Each structure stands twice: as C-alpha cells, then as structure tokens.
Amino acid sequence: MPQESAHRTRPPHTAPAPDSLSRFFADGRLTAVPRRPAVREALLAHLADTLFESGRAYTEPEVNDVLGTVHEDTAALRRHLITSGLLDRTRDGSTYRRAAAAC
C-alpha cells in the first residue's frame, strides 16, 4: 500500500461542500466525480475555490498534495481543473495557478 505524503493535510481554507454537491463527499473526501458536465463543473469550481489560493503559484507536487486531501486520483482531478479552465499551467508544466476567472 502506498504511503501517504506527510504534506497531505486539509488546507485551512477548505470549506464544506454545498448541499448540491454533498452527495459526492464522505468524511471530507470526494467519493465520485460527477459524470454530468454541469454538476462536474460545479464540483470543480468548488474545489478550485476552496483548495487553491488566488495568486499563489503551485508546483505539480504541491497541486497533487492539495488534491490528495480530497481524492486519491490527483492526476484526473488536475486534468479536469485544467481543461475546465479553473487552473492554469505553464507550458513546461512547472507552475500551476488558480485561473483568474476562478478567483
């Protein structure tokens, strides 16, 4: 079994999921990514708003650590956040930021 990163703790600014998304969480962890695009977008917006600080640059390992606080498939969540325009990534993939539209 892989070991948990020592950095995987819930960020202090994480807010509980709104009632419309609460069915996708158990004990503060994401149990499923919604298939319906509108619901998935709402979930991703919630994650971007509550997990990532506006104006802060993150490395990929930091993004993975933050996403790991809510779900084990950090790569899928990271991809969803980028393709939905909620996280921006530099061309070389070295830096991630919460998108200006998501702030």
C-alpha atoms as a PDB file:
ATOM      1  CA  MET A   1       0.000   0.000   0.000  1.00  0.00           C
ATOM      2  CA  PRO A   2       1.485   3.422  -0.938  1.00  0.00           C
ATOM      3  CA  GLN A   3       2.379   5.699   1.926  1.00  0.00           C
ATOM      4  CA  GLU A   4       0.519   8.957   2.396  1.00  0.00           C
ATOM      5  CA  SER A   5       2.557  12.082   1.879  1.00  0.00           C
ATOM      6  CA  ALA A   6       3.331  13.920   5.083  1.00  0.00           C
ATOM      7  CA  HIS A   7       2.017  17.059   3.359  1.00  0.00           C
ATOM      8  CA  ARG A   8      -1.477  15.710   2.712  1.00  0.00           C
ATOM      9  CA  THR A   9      -3.487  17.591   5.239  1.00  0.00           C
ATOM     10  CA  ARG A  10      -6.651  19.524   4.673  1.00  0.00           C
ATOM     11  CA  PRO A  11      -5.811  23.134   3.844  1.00  0.00           C
ATOM     12  CA  PRO A  12      -7.185  25.508   6.479  1.00  0.00           C
ATOM     13  CA  HIS A  13      -9.317  27.346   3.890  1.00  0.00           C
ATOM     14  CA  THR A  14     -11.217  24.243   2.742  1.00  0.00           C
ATOM     15  CA  ALA A  15     -14.953  24.789   3.065  1.00  0.00           C
ATOM     16  CA  PRO A  16     -17.580  22.077   3.294  1.00  0.00           C
ATOM     17  CA  ALA A  17     -19.257  21.188   0.017  1.00  0.00           C
ATOM     18  CA  PRO A  18     -22.518  22.952  -0.751  1.00  0.00           C
ATOM     19  CA  ASP A  19     -25.620  20.824  -0.262  1.00  0.00           C
ATOM     20  CA  SER A  20     -25.953  20.257  -4.018  1.00  0.00           C
ATOM     21  CA  LEU A  21     -22.528  18.556  -4.035  1.00  0.00           C
ATOM     22  CA  SER A  22     -22.521  16.912  -0.615  1.00  0.00           C
ATOM     23  CA  ARG A  23     -23.597  13.540  -2.033  1.00  0.00           C
ATOM     24  CA  PHE A  24     -20.172  13.288  -3.724  1.00  0.00           C
ATOM     25  CA  PHE A  25     -18.316  13.565  -0.396  1.00  0.00           C
ATOM     26  CA  ALA A  26     -17.940  11.345   2.660  1.00  0.00           C
ATOM     27  CA  ASP A  27     -15.892  12.455   5.666  1.00  0.00           C
ATOM     28  CA  GLY A  28     -14.487  15.382   3.681  1.00  0.00           C
ATOM     29  CA  ARG A  29     -13.241  13.147   0.859  1.00  0.00           C
ATOM     30  CA  LEU A  30     -14.516  13.086  -2.691  1.00  0.00           C
ATOM     31  CA  THR A  31     -16.079   9.689  -3.384  1.00  0.00           C
ATOM     32  CA  ALA A  32     -17.005  10.207  -7.039  1.00  0.00           C
ATOM     33  CA  VAL A  33     -16.525  12.710  -9.834  1.00  0.00           C
ATOM     34  CA  PRO A  34     -19.917  13.533 -11.346  1.00  0.00           C
ATOM     35  CA  ARG A  35     -20.481  12.446 -14.945  1.00  0.00           C
ATOM     36  CA  ARG A  36     -22.973  15.181 -15.780  1.00  0.00           C
ATOM     37  CA  PRO A  37     -20.920  18.106 -17.118  1.00  0.00           C
ATOM     38  CA  ALA A  38     -22.823  20.845 -15.266  1.00  0.00           C
ATOM     39  CA  VAL A  39     -22.522  19.061 -11.928  1.00  0.00           C
ATOM     40  CA  ARG A  40     -18.861  18.200 -12.574  1.00  0.00           C
ATOM     41  CA  GLU A  41     -18.139  21.866 -13.372  1.00  0.00           C
ATOM     42  CA  ALA A  42     -19.824  22.934 -10.124  1.00  0.00           C
ATOM     43  CA  LEU A  43     -17.726  20.425  -8.191  1.00  0.00           C
ATOM     44  CA  LEU A  44     -14.516  21.545  -9.885  1.00  0.00           C
ATOM     45  CA  ALA A  45     -15.326  25.201  -9.191  1.00  0.00           C
ATOM     46  CA  HIS A  46     -15.887  24.298  -5.523  1.00  0.00           C
ATOM     47  CA  LEU A  47     -12.524  22.511  -5.385  1.00  0.00           C
ATOM     48  CA  ALA A  48     -10.705  25.393  -7.092  1.00  0.00           C
ATOM     49  CA  ASP A  49     -12.342  27.922  -4.756  1.00  0.00           C
ATOM     50  CA  THR A  50     -11.656  26.033  -1.562  1.00  0.00           C
ATOM     51  CA  LEU A  51      -8.340  24.297  -2.208  1.00  0.00           C
ATOM     52  CA  PHE A  52      -6.269  26.823  -4.161  1.00  0.00           C
ATOM     53  CA  GLU A  53      -5.305  30.313  -3.070  1.00  0.00           C
ATOM     54  CA  SER A  54      -5.774  33.125  -5.532  1.00  0.00           C
ATOM     55  CA  GLY A  55      -2.479  34.489  -6.894  1.00  0.00           C
ATOM     56  CA  ARG A  56      -0.314  31.711  -5.458  1.00  0.00           C
ATOM     57  CA  ALA A  57       1.938  29.624  -7.691  1.00  0.00           C
ATOM     58  CA  TYR A  58       1.992  25.867  -7.070  1.00  0.00           C
ATOM     59  CA  THR A  59       4.372  23.184  -8.282  1.00  0.00           C
ATOM     60  CA  GLU A  60       2.871  19.964  -9.619  1.00  0.00           C
ATOM     61  CA  PRO A  61       3.749  18.072  -6.406  1.00  0.00           C
ATOM     62  CA  GLU A  62       2.027  20.809  -4.387  1.00  0.00           C
ATOM     63  CA  VAL A  63      -1.078  20.571  -6.581  1.00  0.00           C
ATOM     64  CA  ASN A  64      -1.049  16.801  -6.094  1.00  0.00           C
ATOM     65  CA  ASP A  65      -0.689  17.184  -2.330  1.00  0.00           C
ATOM     66  CA  VAL A  66      -3.601  19.632  -2.176  1.00  0.00           C
ATOM     67  CA  LEU A  67      -5.829  17.454  -4.377  1.00  0.00           C
ATOM     68  CA  GLY A  68      -4.755  14.385  -2.408  1.00  0.00           C
ATOM     69  CA  THR A  69      -6.519  15.824   0.620  1.00  0.00           C
ATOM     70  CA  VAL A  70      -9.851  15.131  -1.084  1.00  0.00           C
ATOM     71  CA  HIS A  71      -9.227  12.293  -3.586  1.00  0.00           C
ATOM     72  CA  GLU A  72      -6.592   9.726  -4.464  1.00  0.00           C
ATOM     73  CA  ASP A  73      -6.739  10.267  -8.252  1.00  0.00           C
ATOM     74  CA  THR A  74      -4.908  13.576  -8.260  1.00  0.00           C
ATOM     75  CA  ALA A  75      -3.912  13.325 -11.931  1.00  0.00           C
ATOM     76  CA  ALA A  76      -7.539  13.075 -13.078  1.00  0.00           C
ATOM     77  CA  LEU A  77      -8.648  15.979 -10.886  1.00  0.00           C
ATOM     78  CA  ARG A  78      -5.700  18.084 -12.043  1.00  0.00           C
ATOM     79  CA  ARG A  79      -6.573  17.385 -15.701  1.00  0.00           C
ATOM     80  CA  HIS A  80     -10.241  18.224 -15.096  1.00  0.00           C
ATOM     81  CA  LEU A  81      -9.314  21.512 -13.400  1.00  0.00           C
ATOM     82  CA  ILE A  82      -7.008  22.488 -16.261  1.00  0.00           C
ATOM     83  CA  THR A  83      -9.364  21.530 -19.090  1.00  0.00           C
ATOM     84  CA  SER A  84     -12.230  23.332 -17.370  1.00  0.00           C
ATOM     85  CA  GLY A  85     -10.100  26.482 -17.181  1.00  0.00           C
ATOM     86  CA  LEU A  86     -10.052  26.635 -13.380  1.00  0.00           C
ATOM     87  CA  LEU A  87      -6.310  26.017 -13.066  1.00  0.00           C
ATOM     88  CA  ASP A  88      -3.686  27.427 -15.411  1.00  0.00           C
ATOM     89  CA  ARG A  89      -0.423  25.647 -16.102  1.00  0.00           C
ATOM     90  CA  THR A  90       2.762  26.998 -17.625  1.00  0.00           C
ATOM     91  CA  ARG A  91       3.776  25.460 -20.925  1.00  0.00           C
ATOM     92  CA  ASP A  92       6.528  23.398 -19.305  1.00  0.00           C
ATOM     93  CA  GLY A  93       4.161  22.214 -16.549  1.00  0.00           C
ATOM     94  CA  SER A  94       6.367  23.577 -13.786  1.00  0.00           C
ATOM     95  CA  THR A  95       3.879  26.055 -12.323  1.00  0.00           C
ATOM     96  CA  TYR A  96       0.146  25.980 -11.694  1.00  0.00           C
ATOM     97  CA  ARG A  97      -2.124  28.844 -10.599  1.00  0.00           C
ATOM     98  CA  ARG A  98      -5.787  29.240  -9.915  1.00  0.00           C
ATOM     99  CA  ALA A  99      -7.193  30.803 -13.070  1.00  0.00           C
ATOM    100  CA  ALA A 100      -8.155  34.452 -12.924  1.00  0.00           C
ATOM    101  CA  ALA A 101     -11.744  33.583 -13.889  1.00  0.00           C
ATOM    102  CA  ALA A 102     -11.892  31.201 -10.898  1.00  0.00           C
ATOM    103  CA  CYS A 103     -10.822  33.889  -8.396  1.00  0.00           C
END
